[in-house]
Amino acid sequence: MELRKDPITRSWVITGDEPAEGRPKPQGPCLFCPDSPSAAHVIADLPSSGSAPWSARSVVHPSPIYHIEGEPGRRGDGLYDRMHAVGAHEVLVENRSHDRQLWNSSDEDIGYFLRLAAERILDLKHDARIKYVSLYKDFGTHAGQEFSHPTSQLTATLFVPRRVLYELRAGREYFLGKERCVFCDIIQQEERQALRVIESRGDYIALGPFAPRVPYETWILPRNHEAAFERTGLNRPGLRTNLAALLRRTLQRIRTITEEFHLVLHTSPSSMHPSRSLGYWKTIDEDYHWHIEILPVLSSKARSYTFKEVYYSPVSSEAAVATLRAAQIEG
């Protein structure tokens, strides 16, 4: 596997010689259950408050795309750029139980998972090679779910993903013009208008973005400014309970529409080792705002996913939010 950079879009693509249908699904006993005969390579455990030895854990992906060993070997190939797939690829086991997903777990268990995610992001950012750490969850066949056990995945890369770069650059330009965070201004306007707010829980808010890429797209953000998710997850444990509850309830709402979705955490890039050529790290703590994006997968609305940069969503944010607000969910 290697990384190649598209000279037009400037996005990195990982490619290799795997079958076109993708990697085969794991067979046999679950790798991530506590009593699994096939032990996974554990990176970190988060202790439980009860008698169980762990509540959430991070393991090396059984078929990692990125490998921590080696050097990137950046090189040119005419006008093209390529490098080795150096980085990290981990599986975050959200729960010891095989059937306890984020929407039917306790807030305490979800809080443990969020803390583990924060710890792993911070640890990987200490590596001077790492530019960005992505946390994501794909659930459902059409979303590309890989494991049956409740898991999310984490990748650490030597580049910032293009979608995040768009946000970083837009946030920096907005800040340079107004000396305010664009995400903070969005939150204030959405709370004032009350058209697209799904629910608030303590210092966190779930809302439908003004220009959704797919029907029922939902964002979860901290209402108080913070650029790095790991600082919230590690330094403000009391707020983690509210975030856990809001995440659980939001996913319950989404699942009244569809069981399949993509969930992605957008946090700030590593600022421990600032780039000499990219300037957005200089004001990152003021101009960026971490958030979680949830993109439901609706098979009946396949056109939503075909336009890429000019997205098509036949359901407006206001209509989607009204439906999600009215959804019957657990307490």
Protein backbone atom coordinates (compact mmCIF):
# COMPACT_ATOMS: atom_id res chain seq x y z
CA MET A 1 0.00 0.00 0.00
CA GLU A 2 1.19 3.53 -0.74
CA LEU A 3 -0.13 7.07 -0.71
CA ARG A 4 -0.47 9.06 -3.92
CA LYS A 5 -1.41 12.73 -4.19
CA ASP A 6 -3.92 13.89 -6.78
CA PRO A 7 -2.26 16.91 -8.48
CA ILE A 8 -5.63 18.52 -9.22
CA THR A 9 -7.61 18.11 -5.99
CA ARG A 10 -4.44 17.93 -3.83
CA SER A 11 -5.97 15.05 -1.86
CA TRP A 12 -4.02 11.98 -0.78
CA VAL A 13 -5.29 8.58 -1.93
CA ILE A 14 -4.18 5.26 -0.47
CA THR A 15 -3.89 2.53 -3.06
CA GLY A 16 -2.42 -0.93 -3.50
CA ASP A 17 -3.12 -4.37 -4.87
CA GLU A 18 -6.09 -5.44 -2.76
CA PRO A 19 -9.14 -7.00 -4.47
CA ALA A 20 -11.57 -4.48 -5.93
CA GLU A 21 -14.29 -5.69 -3.55
CA GLY A 22 -12.12 -4.71 -0.58
CA ARG A 23 -10.69 -6.63 2.32
CA PRO A 24 -12.50 -9.83 3.35
CA LYS A 25 -14.72 -9.69 6.43
CA PRO A 26 -13.22 -11.32 9.54
CA GLN A 27 -14.33 -14.91 10.06
CA GLY A 28 -14.51 -16.98 13.22
CA PRO A 29 -14.76 -15.80 16.83
CA CYS A 30 -14.95 -12.08 17.54
CA LEU A 31 -11.45 -10.64 17.96
CA PHE A 32 -12.58 -8.01 20.43
CA CYS A 33 -14.73 -9.88 22.94
CA PRO A 34 -13.02 -10.36 26.33
CA ASP A 35 -13.12 -14.17 26.04
CA SER A 36 -11.89 -14.29 22.43
CA PRO A 37 -9.41 -17.13 21.75
CA SER A 38 -7.72 -14.90 19.16
CA ALA A 39 -6.07 -12.17 21.18
CA ALA A 40 -5.75 -8.77 19.52
CA HIS A 41 -2.62 -6.65 19.95
CA VAL A 42 -3.72 -4.34 22.77
CA ILE A 43 -2.30 -0.80 22.78
CA ALA A 44 -4.17 0.67 25.74
CA ASP A 45 -6.93 -0.27 28.18
CA LEU A 46 -9.18 2.10 30.05
CA PRO A 47 -9.99 0.65 33.50
CA SER A 48 -13.59 0.12 34.52
CA SER A 49 -15.17 1.55 37.64
CA GLY A 50 -16.57 -1.92 38.40
CA SER A 51 -15.04 -5.36 38.66
CA ALA A 52 -14.28 -5.74 34.94
CA PRO A 53 -10.59 -5.32 34.05
CA TRP A 54 -11.34 -2.81 31.28
CA SER A 55 -14.21 -0.77 29.90
CA ALA A 56 -12.81 0.31 26.52
CA ARG A 57 -9.60 -0.56 24.76
CA SER A 58 -7.47 0.27 21.76
CA VAL A 59 -5.94 -2.47 19.63
CA VAL A 60 -3.88 -2.57 16.46
CA HIS A 61 -6.14 -3.05 13.44
CA PRO A 62 -5.81 -6.68 12.31
CA SER A 63 -5.21 -5.51 8.71
CA PRO A 64 -3.88 -1.97 9.11
CA ILE A 65 -3.78 0.47 6.24
CA TYR A 66 -1.12 2.59 7.96
CA HIS A 67 1.95 1.26 9.79
CA ILE A 68 3.80 3.11 12.54
CA GLU A 69 7.18 1.67 11.55
CA GLY A 70 9.42 3.17 8.91
CA GLU A 71 9.89 6.48 7.17
CA PRO A 72 7.44 8.10 4.77
CA GLY A 73 9.93 8.17 1.89
CA ARG A 74 8.30 11.16 0.21
CA ARG A 75 9.30 11.23 -3.43
CA GLY A 76 8.35 12.70 -6.75
CA ASP A 77 7.32 10.79 -9.86
CA GLY A 78 7.31 13.45 -12.54
CA LEU A 79 4.50 15.81 -11.55
CA TYR A 80 3.12 13.27 -9.06
CA ASP A 81 3.88 12.84 -5.34
CA ARG A 82 3.89 9.56 -3.47
CA MET A 83 4.98 8.15 -0.11
CA HIS A 84 4.77 5.04 2.02
CA ALA A 85 1.64 4.45 4.12
CA VAL A 86 3.29 5.42 7.40
CA GLY A 87 1.04 6.34 10.31
CA ALA A 88 -1.17 4.38 12.68
CA HIS A 89 -4.39 2.41 12.36
CA GLU A 90 -6.20 1.34 15.52
CA VAL A 91 -9.52 -0.19 16.44
CA LEU A 92 -11.21 1.39 19.46
CA VAL A 93 -13.34 -1.22 21.18
CA GLU A 94 -16.21 0.85 22.52
CA ASN A 95 -17.60 -1.73 24.92
CA ARG A 96 -16.79 -5.13 26.38
CA SER A 97 -20.26 -6.39 25.40
CA HIS A 98 -20.76 -7.59 21.84
CA ASP A 99 -24.26 -6.11 21.59
CA ARG A 100 -23.90 -2.75 23.37
CA GLN A 101 -23.58 -0.08 20.73
CA LEU A 102 -23.23 3.64 21.44
CA TRP A 103 -26.99 4.17 21.26
CA ASN A 104 -27.87 1.46 23.78
CA SER A 105 -24.92 1.75 26.17
CA SER A 106 -24.88 3.58 29.47
CA ASP A 107 -23.64 7.15 29.49
CA GLU A 108 -20.83 6.00 31.78
CA ASP A 109 -19.63 3.43 29.26
CA ILE A 110 -19.80 5.97 26.43
CA GLY A 111 -17.83 8.37 28.63
CA TYR A 112 -15.09 5.76 29.03
CA PHE A 113 -14.93 5.33 25.27
CA LEU A 114 -14.70 9.09 24.72
CA ARG A 115 -11.89 9.36 27.25
CA LEU A 116 -9.99 6.53 25.57
CA ALA A 117 -10.38 8.28 22.21
CA ALA A 118 -8.99 11.50 23.72
CA GLU A 119 -6.02 9.64 25.25
CA ARG A 120 -5.15 7.89 21.98
CA ILE A 121 -5.41 11.10 19.94
CA LEU A 122 -3.12 12.94 22.36
CA ASP A 123 -0.62 10.09 22.45
CA LEU A 124 -0.39 9.87 18.66
CA LYS A 125 -0.02 13.64 18.32
CA HIS A 126 3.22 13.40 20.30
CA ASP A 127 4.76 11.66 17.27
CA ALA A 128 6.45 14.46 15.31
CA ARG A 129 5.60 12.72 12.02
CA ILE A 130 1.84 12.77 12.63
CA LYS A 131 -0.10 15.72 11.23
CA TYR A 132 -3.65 14.56 11.90
CA VAL A 133 -5.61 11.91 13.81
CA SER A 134 -9.03 10.84 12.52
CA LEU A 135 -11.67 9.01 14.55
CA TYR A 136 -14.60 7.49 12.69
CA LYS A 137 -17.34 4.88 12.91
CA ASP A 138 -18.97 3.24 9.90
CA PHE A 139 -22.13 1.34 10.80
CA GLY A 140 -24.14 -0.77 8.39
CA THR A 141 -23.40 -2.77 5.26
CA HIS A 142 -23.73 0.22 2.92
CA ALA A 143 -21.59 2.35 5.23
CA GLY A 144 -18.69 -0.12 5.07
CA GLN A 145 -18.93 -1.59 8.56
CA GLU A 146 -15.99 -3.93 9.11
CA PHE A 147 -16.56 -5.60 12.49
CA SER A 148 -19.67 -6.88 14.27
CA HIS A 149 -18.36 -5.87 17.72
CA PRO A 150 -19.07 -2.24 18.74
CA THR A 151 -15.99 -0.46 17.45
CA SER A 152 -14.73 2.78 16.00
CA GLN A 153 -11.48 3.23 14.12
CA LEU A 154 -8.65 5.70 14.45
CA THR A 155 -6.07 6.60 11.82
CA ALA A 156 -3.05 8.84 12.28
CA THR A 157 -1.65 10.29 9.06
CA LEU A 158 1.28 12.36 7.86
CA PHE A 159 -1.15 14.72 6.13
CA VAL A 160 -4.38 16.54 6.96
CA PRO A 161 -7.43 15.12 5.13
CA ARG A 162 -8.77 17.40 2.44
CA ARG A 163 -12.20 17.94 4.02
CA VAL A 164 -10.53 19.07 7.27
CA LEU A 165 -8.15 21.31 5.31
CA TYR A 166 -11.19 23.06 3.80
CA GLU A 167 -12.53 23.69 7.29
CA LEU A 168 -9.18 24.86 8.62
CA ARG A 169 -8.66 27.33 5.81
CA ALA A 170 -12.22 28.65 5.96
CA GLY A 171 -12.02 28.99 9.73
CA ARG A 172 -8.73 30.85 9.52
CA GLU A 173 -9.99 33.25 6.84
CA TYR A 174 -13.12 33.99 8.88
CA PHE A 175 -11.04 34.59 11.99
CA LEU A 176 -8.63 36.92 10.18
CA GLY A 177 -11.56 39.02 8.99
CA LYS A 178 -13.70 39.04 12.15
CA GLU A 179 -11.46 37.79 14.97
CA ARG A 180 -14.15 35.26 15.86
CA CYS A 181 -14.57 31.53 15.41
CA VAL A 182 -17.00 30.75 12.58
CA PHE A 183 -18.28 27.67 14.42
CA CYS A 184 -19.05 29.74 17.52
CA ASP A 185 -20.96 32.21 15.37
CA ILE A 186 -22.89 29.34 13.75
CA ILE A 187 -23.85 27.96 17.17
CA GLN A 188 -24.99 31.38 18.40
CA GLN A 189 -27.12 31.98 15.29
CA GLU A 190 -28.63 28.49 15.37
CA GLU A 191 -29.55 28.87 19.05
CA ARG A 192 -31.04 32.30 18.37
CA GLN A 193 -33.10 31.17 15.38
CA ALA A 194 -34.01 27.73 16.87
CA LEU A 195 -34.72 26.35 13.40
CA ARG A 196 -32.10 23.65 13.13
CA VAL A 197 -31.25 22.77 16.75
CA ILE A 198 -32.12 19.16 17.52
CA GLU A 199 -31.17 19.14 21.20
CA SER A 200 -28.85 20.77 23.72
CA ARG A 201 -27.32 18.89 26.63
CA GLY A 202 -25.25 20.92 29.05
CA ASP A 203 -22.42 22.51 27.09
CA TYR A 204 -23.07 20.49 23.92
CA ILE A 205 -25.48 20.98 21.05
CA ALA A 206 -26.76 18.77 18.22
CA LEU A 207 -27.95 20.56 15.09
CA GLY A 208 -28.65 20.13 11.42
CA PRO A 209 -26.14 22.09 9.30
CA PHE A 210 -27.55 24.89 7.14
CA ALA A 211 -26.32 23.21 3.92
CA PRO A 212 -26.48 19.44 4.48
CA ARG A 213 -24.54 17.12 2.22
CA VAL A 214 -26.97 14.25 2.84
CA PRO A 215 -30.47 14.02 4.33
CA TYR A 216 -30.51 14.21 8.14
CA GLU A 217 -26.83 15.14 8.42
CA THR A 218 -26.22 16.08 12.06
CA TRP A 219 -23.40 17.82 13.89
CA ILE A 220 -22.56 17.70 17.59
CA LEU A 221 -20.42 20.57 18.91
CA PRO A 222 -19.29 22.01 22.26
CA ARG A 223 -21.15 25.25 22.90
CA ASN A 224 -17.99 26.70 24.50
CA HIS A 225 -15.06 27.22 22.19
CA GLU A 226 -12.46 24.44 22.06
CA ALA A 227 -10.28 23.46 19.10
CA ALA A 228 -9.01 20.07 20.29
CA PHE A 229 -11.34 17.25 21.29
CA GLU A 230 -8.66 15.62 23.42
CA ARG A 231 -8.53 18.62 25.75
CA THR A 232 -12.26 18.32 26.36
CA GLY A 233 -12.07 14.56 26.79
CA LEU A 234 -9.21 14.66 29.29
CA ASN A 235 -9.56 17.94 31.17
CA ARG A 236 -13.33 18.32 31.53
CA PRO A 237 -14.62 14.92 32.69
CA GLY A 238 -17.86 16.34 34.07
CA LEU A 239 -18.84 17.52 30.59
CA ARG A 240 -18.12 14.11 29.11
CA THR A 241 -21.33 12.83 30.71
CA ASN A 242 -23.40 15.39 28.83
CA LEU A 243 -21.57 14.66 25.58
CA ALA A 244 -22.10 10.92 26.08
CA ALA A 245 -25.83 11.40 26.66
CA LEU A 246 -26.21 13.71 23.67
CA LEU A 247 -24.29 11.33 21.40
CA ARG A 248 -26.42 8.39 22.54
CA ARG A 249 -29.70 10.26 22.09
CA THR A 250 -28.68 11.71 18.71
CA LEU A 251 -27.81 8.28 17.35
CA GLN A 252 -31.14 6.97 18.61
CA ARG A 253 -32.84 9.74 16.64
CA ILE A 254 -30.82 8.96 13.50
CA ARG A 255 -31.74 5.30 13.79
CA THR A 256 -35.44 6.12 13.57
CA ILE A 257 -34.62 7.18 9.99
CA THR A 258 -31.94 4.65 9.03
CA GLU A 259 -29.73 2.14 10.81
CA GLU A 260 -26.68 2.98 8.68
CA PHE A 261 -24.43 5.99 9.08
CA HIS A 262 -20.92 7.42 9.02
CA LEU A 263 -19.69 9.22 12.15
CA VAL A 264 -16.51 11.29 12.02
CA LEU A 265 -14.78 13.38 14.68
CA HIS A 266 -13.18 16.57 13.35
CA THR A 267 -10.54 17.86 15.73
CA SER A 268 -7.59 20.19 15.32
CA PRO A 269 -4.40 18.95 13.63
CA SER A 270 -1.33 18.40 15.74
CA SER A 271 0.13 21.72 16.88
CA MET A 272 2.88 20.16 18.98
CA HIS A 273 5.18 20.19 15.97
CA PRO A 274 4.04 23.17 13.84
CA SER A 275 4.54 23.10 10.10
CA ARG A 276 7.03 25.62 8.74
CA SER A 277 5.07 26.05 5.52
CA LEU A 278 1.40 25.89 6.57
CA GLY A 279 0.19 28.92 8.49
CA TYR A 280 -3.12 27.79 9.93
CA TRP A 281 -1.49 26.28 13.03
CA LYS A 282 -0.62 29.78 14.27
CA THR A 283 -4.19 30.66 15.27
CA ILE A 284 -5.64 27.15 15.42
CA ASP A 285 -6.76 27.40 19.05
CA GLU A 286 -8.79 30.52 18.22
CA ASP A 287 -10.14 29.77 14.75
CA TYR A 288 -11.04 26.05 14.84
CA HIS A 289 -13.76 24.23 16.80
CA TRP A 290 -13.92 20.45 17.18
CA HIS A 291 -17.16 18.71 16.26
CA ILE A 292 -18.69 15.35 15.40
CA GLU A 293 -20.35 14.87 12.00
CA ILE A 294 -22.94 12.13 11.48
CA LEU A 295 -23.92 11.35 7.90
CA PRO A 296 -26.81 8.89 7.63
CA VAL A 297 -26.79 6.44 4.71
CA LEU A 298 -30.20 6.30 2.99
CA SER A 299 -30.21 3.76 0.19
CA SER A 300 -33.34 5.35 -1.29
CA LYS A 301 -31.47 8.63 -1.61
CA ALA A 302 -28.41 7.27 -3.40
CA ARG A 303 -28.10 10.47 -5.46
CA SER A 304 -27.10 12.26 -2.26
CA TYR A 305 -23.72 10.57 -2.42
CA THR A 306 -22.89 10.91 -6.11
CA PHE A 307 -22.10 14.58 -6.57
CA LYS A 308 -19.22 14.72 -4.08
CA GLU A 309 -18.46 18.46 -4.01
CA VAL A 310 -21.91 19.68 -5.05
CA TYR A 311 -24.04 17.59 -2.74
CA TYR A 312 -27.70 16.77 -3.25
CA SER A 313 -30.01 16.50 -0.24
CA PRO A 314 -33.74 16.31 -1.03
CA VAL A 315 -34.58 16.90 2.65
CA SER A 316 -33.92 20.37 4.07
CA SER A 317 -32.20 20.80 7.44
CA GLU A 318 -35.35 22.32 8.92
CA ALA A 319 -37.54 19.38 7.85
CA ALA A 320 -34.93 16.88 8.98
CA VAL A 321 -34.55 18.52 12.38
CA ALA A 322 -38.32 18.57 12.90
CA THR A 323 -38.42 14.83 12.21
CA LEU A 324 -35.48 14.08 14.49
CA ARG A 325 -36.87 16.22 17.30
CA ALA A 326 -40.16 14.34 17.17
CA ALA A 327 -38.51 10.91 17.13
CA GLN A 328 -39.51 8.63 19.99
CA ILE A 329 -36.29 7.68 21.78
CA GLU A 330 -35.27 6.30 25.15
CA GLY A 331 -34.60 8.63 28.07
